[in-house]
Amino acid sequence: MKKLLSSPTFKKLILPLLMIGMFAANAQQKIGGLALYTVRDDMGTNTKATLMAVAEAGYKNIEAAGYRDGKFYNMAPKDFNKLLKEVGLTPISTHQGGVTLENADRMIADVKAAGFKYFVIPVPPMGLRDDYKQLATVLSTLGEKCQKAGLKLLYHNHDFELKKGEDGVVTLDYLLENTDPKFVNFQMDLYWVTKADQDPVAYFTKYPGRFIMWHVKDMDDQGRFAPVGNGQIDFSKILAQKKLSGMKYYMVEQDKTFDMTPLEAINISHKGLIEIGFK
């Protein structure tokens, strides 16, 4: 056996074939995306090793959440894109929480240079949480800027956008009804919709085609974040309506992982995706 493993024939012919077979087997298991916010601490400690662990867990796409001063995780946009290619991950979306009308053009250029398709606004920017009318206007302006640059803008919800304000208006409904889908669409966080006692499928039915991306994370019996498949959210029911939703991509996210490490949690979630039927 030792002679075989060390022989020139094994090294030149057999080993490459075995490696190809291993990569092919792994490729079959690569599904879905991960929001890197889940592993934010690890990304800050060792970016490359963390991205390699994400790829090894079976994810093929990523969503960034680490942009600051023109860099993604302290890397120039093109350098970050290069690293993602090296580890076998595809940049799909990025959360750009610090966007303003003043810095939008620079930010959009950086997002484009890093190879992302979707510019996601994770919270109401510029202090607009309580001004849904101005928020809709700002989103529309940013959406037009993104479209001109070849990007698509999405807005990500938490639970507060689904609760009626003092005037009876539900912010998410207002945004859906007062923005043009040509410029503005949405990333539905399935956990936060459930947390607000709302039904994701009901939103798909009322506003078909507007929820281009999902954040997939589960809810345990205490109402806390949980790995996908380890909670009470009926993902099979939701997944059955992905065409109605307009969903093109989905990202696993778990804001807190409690009694396990983030890397342990993302592995459990990936297995949950496969069991539920995500592809």
Protein backbone atom coordinates (compact mmCIF):
# COMPACT_ATOMS: atom_id res chain seq x y z
CA MET A 1 0.00 0.00 0.00
CA LYS A 2 2.81 2.43 0.88
CA LYS A 3 4.50 1.70 -2.45
CA LEU A 4 1.24 2.39 -4.27
CA LEU A 5 0.61 5.70 -2.50
CA SER A 6 4.14 6.90 -3.21
CA SER A 7 4.35 5.66 -6.79
CA PRO A 8 4.54 8.13 -9.70
CA THR A 9 1.51 6.46 -11.31
CA PHE A 10 -0.63 7.04 -8.22
CA LYS A 11 0.45 10.67 -7.87
CA LYS A 12 0.08 11.55 -11.55
CA LEU A 13 -3.00 9.54 -12.56
CA ILE A 14 -4.96 8.00 -9.72
CA LEU A 15 -4.76 10.82 -7.14
CA PRO A 16 -6.06 13.51 -9.54
CA LEU A 17 -9.03 11.29 -10.42
CA LEU A 18 -9.80 10.74 -6.74
CA MET A 19 -9.62 14.48 -6.13
CA ILE A 20 -11.98 15.16 -9.01
CA GLY A 21 -14.40 12.63 -7.58
CA MET A 22 -14.23 14.24 -4.15
CA PHE A 23 -14.88 17.71 -5.55
CA ALA A 24 -17.78 16.40 -7.64
CA ALA A 25 -19.33 14.79 -4.57
CA ASN A 26 -18.94 18.00 -2.61
CA ALA A 27 -20.33 20.05 -5.47
CA GLN A 28 -23.54 18.02 -5.38
CA GLN A 29 -24.04 19.08 -1.79
CA LYS A 30 -23.34 22.78 -2.34
CA ILE A 31 -26.65 24.59 -2.04
CA GLY A 32 -27.92 27.86 -0.71
CA GLY A 33 -26.28 30.90 0.72
CA LEU A 34 -25.06 32.19 4.05
CA ALA A 35 -25.37 35.67 5.47
CA LEU A 36 -21.90 36.32 6.84
CA TYR A 37 -23.41 38.32 9.70
CA THR A 38 -23.87 34.90 11.32
CA VAL A 39 -20.09 34.39 11.47
CA ARG A 40 -19.16 38.05 11.91
CA ASP A 41 -16.78 37.48 14.83
CA ASP A 42 -14.95 34.72 12.98
CA MET A 43 -14.75 36.91 9.87
CA GLY A 44 -13.06 39.57 11.97
CA THR A 45 -10.53 37.09 13.35
CA ASN A 46 -9.60 35.12 10.24
CA THR A 47 -11.49 36.01 7.08
CA LYS A 48 -10.05 33.38 4.74
CA ALA A 49 -10.32 30.49 7.18
CA THR A 50 -13.92 31.42 7.96
CA LEU A 51 -14.88 31.61 4.27
CA MET A 52 -13.25 28.22 3.73
CA ALA A 53 -15.33 26.81 6.59
CA VAL A 54 -18.48 28.29 5.03
CA ALA A 55 -17.66 26.61 1.72
CA GLU A 56 -16.85 23.32 3.45
CA ALA A 57 -20.21 23.45 5.21
CA GLY A 58 -21.80 23.22 1.76
CA TYR A 59 -22.83 26.78 0.99
CA LYS A 60 -22.23 28.16 -2.49
CA ASN A 61 -23.38 31.81 -2.11
CA ILE A 62 -22.71 34.51 0.44
CA GLU A 63 -24.15 37.78 1.63
CA ALA A 64 -21.66 40.24 3.13
CA ALA A 65 -22.25 42.36 6.21
CA GLY A 66 -18.85 43.88 6.74
CA TYR A 67 -18.43 47.01 4.63
CA ARG A 68 -16.58 49.98 6.10
CA ASP A 69 -14.53 52.83 4.63
CA GLY A 70 -14.66 51.44 1.12
CA LYS A 71 -13.60 47.92 2.10
CA PHE A 72 -15.26 44.56 2.69
CA TYR A 73 -13.82 42.93 5.79
CA ASN A 74 -10.79 45.24 5.53
CA MET A 75 -10.19 44.21 1.93
CA ALA A 76 -10.50 46.26 -1.25
CA PRO A 77 -13.62 45.22 -3.18
CA LYS A 78 -11.72 43.46 -5.99
CA ASP A 79 -9.46 41.69 -3.49
CA PHE A 80 -12.48 40.43 -1.57
CA ASN A 81 -14.01 39.17 -4.80
CA LYS A 82 -10.76 37.38 -5.62
CA LEU A 83 -10.69 35.68 -2.22
CA LEU A 84 -14.27 34.48 -2.63
CA LYS A 85 -13.37 32.91 -5.96
CA GLU A 86 -10.35 31.20 -4.39
CA VAL A 87 -12.49 29.47 -1.77
CA GLY A 88 -15.35 28.66 -4.16
CA LEU A 89 -18.01 31.10 -2.96
CA THR A 90 -20.17 33.42 -5.05
CA PRO A 91 -20.99 36.98 -3.92
CA ILE A 92 -24.72 37.58 -4.29
CA SER A 93 -25.79 40.31 -1.88
CA THR A 94 -24.39 42.70 0.69
CA HIS A 95 -25.96 44.58 3.58
CA GLN A 96 -25.11 48.27 3.33
CA GLY A 97 -26.49 49.70 6.54
CA GLY A 98 -24.55 52.97 6.45
CA VAL A 99 -25.83 54.17 3.09
CA THR A 100 -26.90 57.79 2.69
CA LEU A 101 -27.80 59.87 -0.34
CA GLU A 102 -24.35 61.44 -0.08
CA ASN A 103 -22.24 58.26 -0.02
CA ALA A 104 -24.49 56.07 -2.17
CA ASP A 105 -22.58 56.49 -5.44
CA ARG A 106 -19.26 55.47 -3.88
CA MET A 107 -20.87 52.57 -2.06
CA ILE A 108 -22.64 51.34 -5.17
CA ALA A 109 -19.36 51.42 -7.10
CA ASP A 110 -17.66 49.34 -4.38
CA VAL A 111 -20.52 46.83 -4.28
CA LYS A 112 -20.31 46.48 -8.05
CA ALA A 113 -16.51 46.07 -7.96
CA ALA A 114 -16.82 43.27 -5.38
CA GLY A 115 -19.06 41.34 -7.77
CA PHE A 116 -22.35 41.53 -5.87
CA LYS A 117 -25.74 41.55 -7.62
CA TYR A 118 -27.92 42.90 -4.83
CA PHE A 119 -27.49 46.02 -2.71
CA VAL A 120 -29.49 45.33 0.46
CA ILE A 121 -30.58 47.94 2.96
CA PRO A 122 -30.86 46.07 6.28
CA VAL A 123 -32.47 48.80 8.41
CA PRO A 124 -34.10 52.16 7.68
CA PRO A 125 -31.13 54.36 6.73
CA MET A 126 -30.53 57.94 7.77
CA GLY A 127 -32.69 57.67 10.89
CA LEU A 128 -35.90 57.05 8.92
CA ARG A 129 -37.38 54.31 11.09
CA ASP A 130 -40.43 56.41 11.98
CA ASP A 131 -40.85 58.19 8.63
CA TYR A 132 -42.14 55.58 6.21
CA LYS A 133 -43.05 58.14 3.55
CA GLN A 134 -39.54 59.57 3.38
CA LEU A 135 -38.14 56.04 3.62
CA ALA A 136 -40.07 55.05 0.50
CA THR A 137 -38.74 58.11 -1.31
CA VAL A 138 -35.14 57.41 -0.31
CA LEU A 139 -35.42 53.74 -1.27
CA SER A 140 -36.76 54.73 -4.67
CA THR A 141 -33.88 57.15 -5.23
CA LEU A 142 -31.31 54.55 -4.19
CA GLY A 143 -33.04 51.92 -6.29
CA GLU A 144 -32.74 54.06 -9.40
CA LYS A 145 -29.05 54.62 -8.69
CA CYS A 146 -28.52 50.88 -8.28
CA GLN A 147 -30.34 50.08 -11.49
CA LYS A 148 -28.21 52.50 -13.47
CA ALA A 149 -25.12 50.73 -12.09
CA GLY A 150 -26.43 47.27 -12.97
CA LEU A 151 -27.38 46.34 -9.40
CA LYS A 152 -30.72 45.59 -7.76
CA LEU A 153 -31.87 47.13 -4.49
CA LEU A 154 -33.63 45.14 -1.77
CA TYR A 155 -34.99 46.22 1.59
CA HIS A 156 -34.69 43.80 4.53
CA ASN A 157 -37.40 43.73 7.20
CA HIS A 158 -37.35 43.16 10.92
CA ASP A 159 -40.53 42.83 12.97
CA PHE A 160 -41.18 46.52 13.60
CA GLU A 161 -41.97 47.22 9.93
CA LEU A 162 -44.89 44.78 10.21
CA LYS A 163 -46.59 46.42 13.17
CA LYS A 164 -49.16 49.17 12.86
CA GLY A 165 -47.98 52.62 13.80
CA GLU A 166 -50.04 55.17 15.70
CA ASP A 167 -51.69 56.17 12.42
CA GLY A 168 -52.58 52.55 11.63
CA VAL A 169 -50.05 52.23 8.83
CA VAL A 170 -47.88 49.13 8.49
CA THR A 171 -44.51 50.32 7.21
CA LEU A 172 -43.74 47.24 5.11
CA ASP A 173 -47.14 47.43 3.42
CA TYR A 174 -46.61 51.12 2.67
CA LEU A 175 -43.20 50.46 1.15
CA LEU A 176 -44.56 47.63 -0.99
CA GLU A 177 -47.42 49.79 -2.23
CA ASN A 178 -45.43 52.98 -2.76
CA THR A 179 -42.27 51.80 -4.48
CA ASP A 180 -41.79 50.68 -8.07
CA PRO A 181 -40.69 47.02 -8.39
CA LYS A 182 -38.49 48.16 -11.25
CA PHE A 183 -36.29 49.87 -8.65
CA VAL A 184 -37.15 48.47 -5.20
CA ASN A 185 -37.85 44.95 -4.02
CA PHE A 186 -37.49 43.06 -0.76
CA GLN A 187 -35.49 40.55 1.21
CA MET A 188 -37.98 38.85 3.50
CA ASP A 189 -36.61 37.72 6.83
CA LEU A 190 -38.85 34.74 7.57
CA TYR A 191 -37.99 34.75 11.27
CA TRP A 192 -38.93 38.39 11.81
CA VAL A 193 -42.18 38.06 9.85
CA THR A 194 -43.10 35.11 12.05
CA LYS A 195 -41.98 37.01 15.16
CA ALA A 196 -44.44 39.77 14.22
CA ASP A 197 -47.25 37.16 14.12
CA GLN A 198 -47.60 37.48 10.37
CA ASP A 199 -47.69 34.84 7.64
CA PRO A 200 -45.00 34.99 4.94
CA VAL A 201 -47.26 33.23 2.43
CA ALA A 202 -49.99 35.82 2.99
CA TYR A 203 -47.49 38.50 2.00
CA PHE A 204 -46.48 36.52 -1.10
CA THR A 205 -50.14 36.30 -2.06
CA LYS A 206 -50.85 39.98 -1.53
CA TYR A 207 -47.60 41.20 -3.08
CA PRO A 208 -46.51 38.51 -5.54
CA GLY A 209 -43.05 38.67 -7.01
CA ARG A 210 -41.70 41.30 -4.62
CA PHE A 211 -39.68 39.09 -2.25
CA ILE A 212 -36.65 38.31 -4.38
CA MET A 213 -34.54 36.97 -1.53
CA TRP A 214 -35.22 35.35 1.83
CA HIS A 215 -33.36 35.21 5.12
CA VAL A 216 -33.91 31.69 6.40
CA LYS A 217 -33.58 31.20 10.13
CA ASP A 218 -35.67 29.21 12.57
CA MET A 219 -37.37 30.06 15.87
CA ASP A 220 -37.13 27.86 18.95
CA ASP A 221 -39.91 27.33 21.50
CA GLN A 222 -38.65 30.36 23.45
CA GLY A 223 -38.94 32.60 20.40
CA ARG A 224 -35.15 32.75 19.96
CA PHE A 225 -33.07 32.29 16.81
CA ALA A 226 -32.39 28.64 15.98
CA PRO A 227 -30.62 26.67 13.24
CA VAL A 228 -32.79 25.85 10.24
CA GLY A 229 -34.85 22.74 10.95
CA ASN A 230 -34.40 22.99 14.72
CA GLY A 231 -37.39 25.21 15.37
CA GLN A 232 -41.08 25.72 14.75
CA ILE A 233 -41.23 27.63 11.44
CA ASP A 234 -42.95 25.65 8.70
CA PHE A 235 -40.37 26.15 5.96
CA SER A 236 -41.90 23.46 3.73
CA LYS A 237 -45.13 25.45 3.49
CA ILE A 238 -43.21 28.64 2.73
CA LEU A 239 -40.86 26.98 0.25
CA ALA A 240 -43.81 25.62 -1.71
CA GLN A 241 -44.70 29.22 -2.58
CA LYS A 242 -41.26 30.39 -3.70
CA LYS A 243 -42.47 31.16 -7.24
CA LEU A 244 -45.30 33.27 -5.90
CA SER A 245 -42.79 35.08 -3.71
CA GLY A 246 -40.44 35.74 -6.62
CA MET A 247 -37.56 34.24 -4.61
CA LYS A 248 -34.34 33.86 -6.58
CA TYR A 249 -31.89 33.40 -3.69
CA TYR A 250 -32.03 32.58 0.00
CA MET A 251 -29.50 33.16 2.78
CA VAL A 252 -29.27 31.31 6.06
CA GLU A 253 -28.81 33.73 8.94
CA GLN A 254 -28.70 33.30 12.70
CA ASP A 255 -28.07 36.51 14.61
CA LYS A 256 -27.15 34.69 17.84
CA THR A 257 -26.25 31.03 18.27
CA PHE A 258 -26.42 30.78 22.07
CA ASP A 259 -25.08 27.39 23.26
CA MET A 260 -23.18 26.56 20.07
CA THR A 261 -20.58 28.29 17.94
CA PRO A 262 -21.67 30.05 14.74
CA LEU A 263 -19.72 27.54 12.66
CA GLU A 264 -21.51 24.66 14.37
CA ALA A 265 -24.85 26.38 13.76
CA ILE A 266 -24.28 26.94 10.05
CA ASN A 267 -23.46 23.25 9.57
CA ILE A 268 -26.70 22.22 11.30
CA SER A 269 -28.65 24.73 9.23
CA HIS A 270 -27.19 23.45 5.98
CA LYS A 271 -28.28 19.90 6.82
CA GLY A 272 -31.70 21.33 7.67
CA LEU A 273 -31.94 23.01 4.27
CA ILE A 274 -31.36 19.69 2.51
CA GLU A 275 -33.88 17.83 4.69
CA ILE A 276 -36.56 20.49 4.09
CA GLY A 277 -36.02 20.45 0.34
CA PHE A 278 -34.18 23.68 -0.39
CA LYS A 279 -32.03 23.55 -3.52
